[in-house]
Amino acid sequence: MSHLLLLASEKPNGFLLSSDLNEVIWGSIAFFIVLGLLIKFGGPAVKNGLTGRTERLAKELDDAAAAKAEAQRQRILDEAATTAASLKAQLQAKADTDAAELVARATADVEASKGQALADLQADAASLALGAAEAVVNRNLDAATQTDLIESYISQVGAQS
């Protein structure tokens, strides 16, 4: 008979409650006590954990953005250094070419000036020699000798034509 009483107490209460009403009440009270304790003691810990995680993620994002900005700045500096080196090499090559052309023109100018100076000197020397020769010839020739030379020259010219 005790077995029948035990079985009768385990019978369902109704459609919504599957067991004894006392068990549902004490189970609900225990649930709300545990829920209250979790909210009171676990809530701040969960909140702090989530806040810490949010802050950590924000810091990691800031660090990543700073690293990206630094990498971009370094890339720009590297490109600027490469461009500067290239421009320097181009300018140096152009300066070397311009200097070589300037030296070549200066050398040509010096040679031309030297040639002109030699030509002028030769012309002056020839003029002076001619003047000196005329002076010597005029002193050594008398009138009869001059007349003979002139007639001889005229006859040579006439014979050639």
C-alpha atoms as a PDB file:
ATOM      1  CA  MET A   1       0.000   0.000   0.000  1.00  0.00           C
ATOM      2  CA  SER A   2       2.805   2.404   0.662  1.00  0.00           C
ATOM      3  CA  HIS A   3       3.838   1.664  -2.790  1.00  0.00           C
ATOM      4  CA  LEU A   4       0.500   2.868  -4.037  1.00  0.00           C
ATOM      5  CA  LEU A   5       0.760   6.096  -2.031  1.00  0.00           C
ATOM      6  CA  LEU A   6       4.122   6.792  -3.493  1.00  0.00           C
ATOM      7  CA  LEU A   7       2.815   6.222  -6.954  1.00  0.00           C
ATOM      8  CA  ALA A   8      -0.167   8.463  -6.289  1.00  0.00           C
ATOM      9  CA  SER A   9       2.054  11.354  -5.180  1.00  0.00           C
ATOM     10  CA  GLU A  10       4.063  11.073  -8.399  1.00  0.00           C
ATOM     11  CA  LYS A  11       1.043  11.521 -10.559  1.00  0.00           C
ATOM     12  CA  PRO A  12       0.926  14.662 -12.673  1.00  0.00           C
ATOM     13  CA  ASN A  13      -1.023  17.620 -11.222  1.00  0.00           C
ATOM     14  CA  GLY A  14      -2.540  18.706 -14.427  1.00  0.00           C
ATOM     15  CA  PHE A  15      -1.919  19.734 -17.933  1.00  0.00           C
ATOM     16  CA  LEU A  16       0.664  22.532 -17.228  1.00  0.00           C
ATOM     17  CA  LEU A  17       2.364  21.058 -14.145  1.00  0.00           C
ATOM     18  CA  SER A  18       4.071  17.767 -14.619  1.00  0.00           C
ATOM     19  CA  SER A  19       4.830  17.103 -10.955  1.00  0.00           C
ATOM     20  CA  ASP A  20       3.890  18.059  -7.415  1.00  0.00           C
ATOM     21  CA  LEU A  21       2.927  21.724  -6.781  1.00  0.00           C
ATOM     22  CA  ASN A  22       5.239  21.948  -3.730  1.00  0.00           C
ATOM     23  CA  GLU A  23       8.148  20.886  -5.857  1.00  0.00           C
ATOM     24  CA  VAL A  24       7.349  23.561  -8.457  1.00  0.00           C
ATOM     25  CA  ILE A  25       7.070  26.252  -5.770  1.00  0.00           C
ATOM     26  CA  TRP A  26      10.333  25.316  -3.979  1.00  0.00           C
ATOM     27  CA  GLY A  27      12.089  24.849  -7.305  1.00  0.00           C
ATOM     28  CA  SER A  28      10.932  28.276  -8.437  1.00  0.00           C
ATOM     29  CA  ILE A  29      12.039  29.882  -5.123  1.00  0.00           C
ATOM     30  CA  ALA A  30      15.454  28.208  -5.431  1.00  0.00           C
ATOM     31  CA  PHE A  31      15.717  29.337  -9.039  1.00  0.00           C
ATOM     32  CA  PHE A  32      14.956  32.963  -8.172  1.00  0.00           C
ATOM     33  CA  ILE A  33      17.398  32.897  -5.236  1.00  0.00           C
ATOM     34  CA  VAL A  34      20.165  31.564  -7.480  1.00  0.00           C
ATOM     35  CA  LEU A  35      19.171  34.059 -10.185  1.00  0.00           C
ATOM     36  CA  GLY A  36      19.286  36.925  -7.654  1.00  0.00           C
ATOM     37  CA  LEU A  37      22.710  35.819  -6.396  1.00  0.00           C
ATOM     38  CA  LEU A  38      23.997  35.550  -9.956  1.00  0.00           C
ATOM     39  CA  ILE A  39      22.693  39.003 -10.792  1.00  0.00           C
ATOM     40  CA  LYS A  40      24.066  40.526  -7.566  1.00  0.00           C
ATOM     41  CA  PHE A  41      27.518  38.907  -7.604  1.00  0.00           C
ATOM     42  CA  GLY A  42      27.982  37.707 -11.166  1.00  0.00           C
ATOM     43  CA  GLY A  43      26.476  40.741 -12.930  1.00  0.00           C
ATOM     44  CA  PRO A  44      29.274  43.173 -12.009  1.00  0.00           C
ATOM     45  CA  ALA A  45      31.895  40.573 -12.918  1.00  0.00           C
ATOM     46  CA  VAL A  46      30.276  39.981 -16.311  1.00  0.00           C
ATOM     47  CA  LYS A  47      29.888  43.740 -16.808  1.00  0.00           C
ATOM     48  CA  ASN A  48      33.544  44.337 -15.891  1.00  0.00           C
ATOM     49  CA  GLY A  49      34.627  41.526 -18.200  1.00  0.00           C
ATOM     50  CA  LEU A  50      32.639  42.920 -21.094  1.00  0.00           C
ATOM     51  CA  THR A  51      33.876  46.459 -20.403  1.00  0.00           C
ATOM     52  CA  GLY A  52      37.460  45.219 -20.221  1.00  0.00           C
ATOM     53  CA  ARG A  53      37.054  43.286 -23.451  1.00  0.00           C
ATOM     54  CA  THR A  54      35.558  46.340 -25.154  1.00  0.00           C
ATOM     55  CA  GLU A  55      38.415  48.521 -23.932  1.00  0.00           C
ATOM     56  CA  ARG A  56      40.994  45.923 -24.986  1.00  0.00           C
ATOM     57  CA  LEU A  57      39.438  45.666 -28.452  1.00  0.00           C
ATOM     58  CA  ALA A  58      39.316  49.464 -28.765  1.00  0.00           C
ATOM     59  CA  LYS A  59      43.015  49.660 -27.770  1.00  0.00           C
ATOM     60  CA  GLU A  60      43.929  46.952 -30.274  1.00  0.00           C
ATOM     61  CA  LEU A  61      42.028  48.821 -32.993  1.00  0.00           C
ATOM     62  CA  ASP A  62      43.798  52.071 -32.075  1.00  0.00           C
ATOM     63  CA  ASP A  63      47.174  50.300 -32.065  1.00  0.00           C
ATOM     64  CA  ALA A  64      46.411  48.724 -35.449  1.00  0.00           C
ATOM     65  CA  ALA A  65      45.390  52.114 -36.882  1.00  0.00           C
ATOM     66  CA  ALA A  66      48.578  53.700 -35.507  1.00  0.00           C
ATOM     67  CA  ALA A  67      50.692  50.873 -36.939  1.00  0.00           C
ATOM     68  CA  LYS A  68      48.962  51.257 -40.311  1.00  0.00           C
ATOM     69  CA  ALA A  69      49.546  55.029 -40.270  1.00  0.00           C
ATOM     70  CA  GLU A  70      53.211  54.507 -39.346  1.00  0.00           C
ATOM     71  CA  ALA A  71      53.608  51.941 -42.130  1.00  0.00           C
ATOM     72  CA  GLN A  72      52.052  54.336 -44.642  1.00  0.00           C
ATOM     73  CA  ARG A  73      54.290  57.173 -43.418  1.00  0.00           C
ATOM     74  CA  GLN A  74      57.337  54.935 -43.707  1.00  0.00           C
ATOM     75  CA  ARG A  75      56.272  53.848 -47.204  1.00  0.00           C
ATOM     76  CA  ILE A  76      55.885  57.497 -48.225  1.00  0.00           C
ATOM     77  CA  LEU A  77      59.313  58.324 -46.772  1.00  0.00           C
ATOM     78  CA  ASP A  78      60.870  55.363 -48.582  1.00  0.00           C
ATOM     79  CA  GLU A  79      59.269  56.419 -51.862  1.00  0.00           C
ATOM     80  CA  ALA A  80      60.454  60.007 -51.311  1.00  0.00           C
ATOM     81  CA  ALA A  81      63.993  58.797 -50.616  1.00  0.00           C
ATOM     82  CA  THR A  82      63.952  56.642 -53.748  1.00  0.00           C
ATOM     83  CA  THR A  83      62.613  59.527 -55.832  1.00  0.00           C
ATOM     84  CA  ALA A  84      65.195  61.901 -54.361  1.00  0.00           C
ATOM     85  CA  ALA A  85      68.020  59.482 -55.141  1.00  0.00           C
ATOM     86  CA  SER A  86      66.739  59.064 -58.698  1.00  0.00           C
ATOM     87  CA  LEU A  87      66.454  62.827 -59.184  1.00  0.00           C
ATOM     88  CA  LYS A  88      69.919  63.320 -57.719  1.00  0.00           C
ATOM     89  CA  ALA A  89      71.369  60.782 -60.150  1.00  0.00           C
ATOM     90  CA  GLN A  90      69.551  62.413 -63.079  1.00  0.00           C
ATOM     91  CA  LEU A  91      70.695  65.898 -62.050  1.00  0.00           C
ATOM     92  CA  GLN A  92      74.265  64.673 -61.551  1.00  0.00           C
ATOM     93  CA  ALA A  93      74.265  63.063 -65.005  1.00  0.00           C
ATOM     94  CA  LYS A  94      72.852  66.244 -66.569  1.00  0.00           C
ATOM     95  CA  ALA A  95      75.405  68.377 -64.720  1.00  0.00           C
ATOM     96  CA  ASP A  96      78.220  66.090 -65.915  1.00  0.00           C
ATOM     97  CA  THR A  97      76.935  66.291 -69.496  1.00  0.00           C
ATOM     98  CA  ASP A  98      76.552  70.072 -69.296  1.00  0.00           C
ATOM     99  CA  ALA A  99      80.042  70.413 -67.807  1.00  0.00           C
ATOM    100  CA  ALA A 100      81.541  68.245 -70.569  1.00  0.00           C
ATOM    101  CA  GLU A 101      79.757  70.334 -73.221  1.00  0.00           C
ATOM    102  CA  LEU A 102      80.955  73.545 -71.559  1.00  0.00           C
ATOM    103  CA  VAL A 103      84.535  72.261 -71.475  1.00  0.00           C
ATOM    104  CA  ALA A 104      84.278  71.236 -75.137  1.00  0.00           C
ATOM    105  CA  ARG A 105      82.932  74.678 -76.131  1.00  0.00           C
ATOM    106  CA  ALA A 106      85.589  76.422 -74.048  1.00  0.00           C
ATOM    107  CA  THR A 107      88.297  74.282 -75.649  1.00  0.00           C
ATOM    108  CA  ALA A 108      86.931  75.068 -79.111  1.00  0.00           C
ATOM    109  CA  ASP A 109      86.773  78.787 -78.226  1.00  0.00           C
ATOM    110  CA  VAL A 110      90.351  78.687 -76.956  1.00  0.00           C
ATOM    111  CA  GLU A 111      91.511  76.893 -80.122  1.00  0.00           C
ATOM    112  CA  ALA A 112      89.626  79.389 -82.304  1.00  0.00           C
ATOM    113  CA  SER A 113      91.086  82.313 -80.369  1.00  0.00           C
ATOM    114  CA  LYS A 114      94.544  80.759 -80.597  1.00  0.00           C
ATOM    115  CA  GLY A 115      94.158  80.284 -84.353  1.00  0.00           C
ATOM    116  CA  GLN A 116      92.929  83.855 -84.764  1.00  0.00           C
ATOM    117  CA  ALA A 117      95.782  85.185 -82.638  1.00  0.00           C
ATOM    118  CA  LEU A 118      98.313  83.204 -84.717  1.00  0.00           C
ATOM    119  CA  ALA A 119      96.734  84.456 -87.961  1.00  0.00           C
ATOM    120  CA  ASP A 120      96.806  88.041 -86.667  1.00  0.00           C
ATOM    121  CA  LEU A 121     100.414  87.588 -85.559  1.00  0.00           C
ATOM    122  CA  GLN A 122     101.383  86.132 -88.940  1.00  0.00           C
ATOM    123  CA  ALA A 123      99.634  88.977 -90.748  1.00  0.00           C
ATOM    124  CA  ASP A 124     101.391  91.535 -88.553  1.00  0.00           C
ATOM    125  CA  ALA A 125     104.736  89.760 -89.032  1.00  0.00           C
ATOM    126  CA  ALA A 126     104.209  89.609 -92.802  1.00  0.00           C
ATOM    127  CA  SER A 127     103.263  93.262 -92.875  1.00  0.00           C
ATOM    128  CA  LEU A 128     106.328  94.185 -90.835  1.00  0.00           C
ATOM    129  CA  ALA A 129     108.576  91.978 -92.998  1.00  0.00           C
ATOM    130  CA  LEU A 130     107.133  93.492 -96.165  1.00  0.00           C
ATOM    131  CA  GLY A 131     107.674  96.972 -94.801  1.00  0.00           C
ATOM    132  CA  ALA A 132     111.221  96.113 -93.787  1.00  0.00           C
ATOM    133  CA  ALA A 133     111.911  94.518 -97.186  1.00  0.00           C
ATOM    134  CA  GLU A 134     110.581  97.596 -99.017  1.00  0.00           C
ATOM    135  CA  ALA A 135     112.741  99.811 -96.897  1.00  0.00           C
ATOM    136  CA  VAL A 136     115.832  97.680 -97.628  1.00  0.00           C
ATOM    137  CA  VAL A 137     115.033  97.423-101.353  1.00  0.00           C
ATOM    138  CA  ASN A 138     114.345 101.149-101.680  1.00  0.00           C
ATOM    139  CA  ARG A 139     117.685 101.946-100.046  1.00  0.00           C
ATOM    140  CA  ASN A 140     119.703  99.538-102.212  1.00  0.00           C
ATOM    141  CA  LEU A 141     118.113 100.207-105.578  1.00  0.00           C
ATOM    142  CA  ASP A 142     118.853 103.219-107.603  1.00  0.00           C
ATOM    143  CA  ALA A 143     116.455 104.625-110.179  1.00  0.00           C
ATOM    144  CA  ALA A 144     117.911 102.715-113.126  1.00  0.00           C
ATOM    145  CA  THR A 145     117.727  99.358-111.336  1.00  0.00           C
ATOM    146  CA  GLN A 146     114.125  99.998-110.324  1.00  0.00           C
ATOM    147  CA  THR A 147     113.172 100.813-113.895  1.00  0.00           C
ATOM    148  CA  ASP A 148     114.817  97.611-115.140  1.00  0.00           C
ATOM    149  CA  LEU A 149     112.938  95.524-112.535  1.00  0.00           C
ATOM    150  CA  ILE A 150     109.609  97.092-113.477  1.00  0.00           C
ATOM    151  CA  GLU A 151     110.136  96.511-117.185  1.00  0.00           C
ATOM    152  CA  SER A 152     111.247  92.935-116.541  1.00  0.00           C
ATOM    153  CA  TYR A 153     108.110  92.262-114.506  1.00  0.00           C
ATOM    154  CA  ILE A 154     105.873  93.797-117.162  1.00  0.00           C
ATOM    155  CA  SER A 155     107.453  91.655-119.833  1.00  0.00           C
ATOM    156  CA  GLN A 156     107.019  88.472-117.700  1.00  0.00           C
ATOM    157  CA  VAL A 157     103.352  89.279-117.164  1.00  0.00           C
ATOM    158  CA  GLY A 158     102.871  89.996-120.843  1.00  0.00           C
ATOM    159  CA  ALA A 159     104.582  86.726-121.823  1.00  0.00           C
ATOM    160  CA  GLN A 160     102.307  84.693-119.518  1.00  0.00           C
ATOM    161  CA  SER A 161      99.095  86.105-120.960  1.00  0.00           C
END
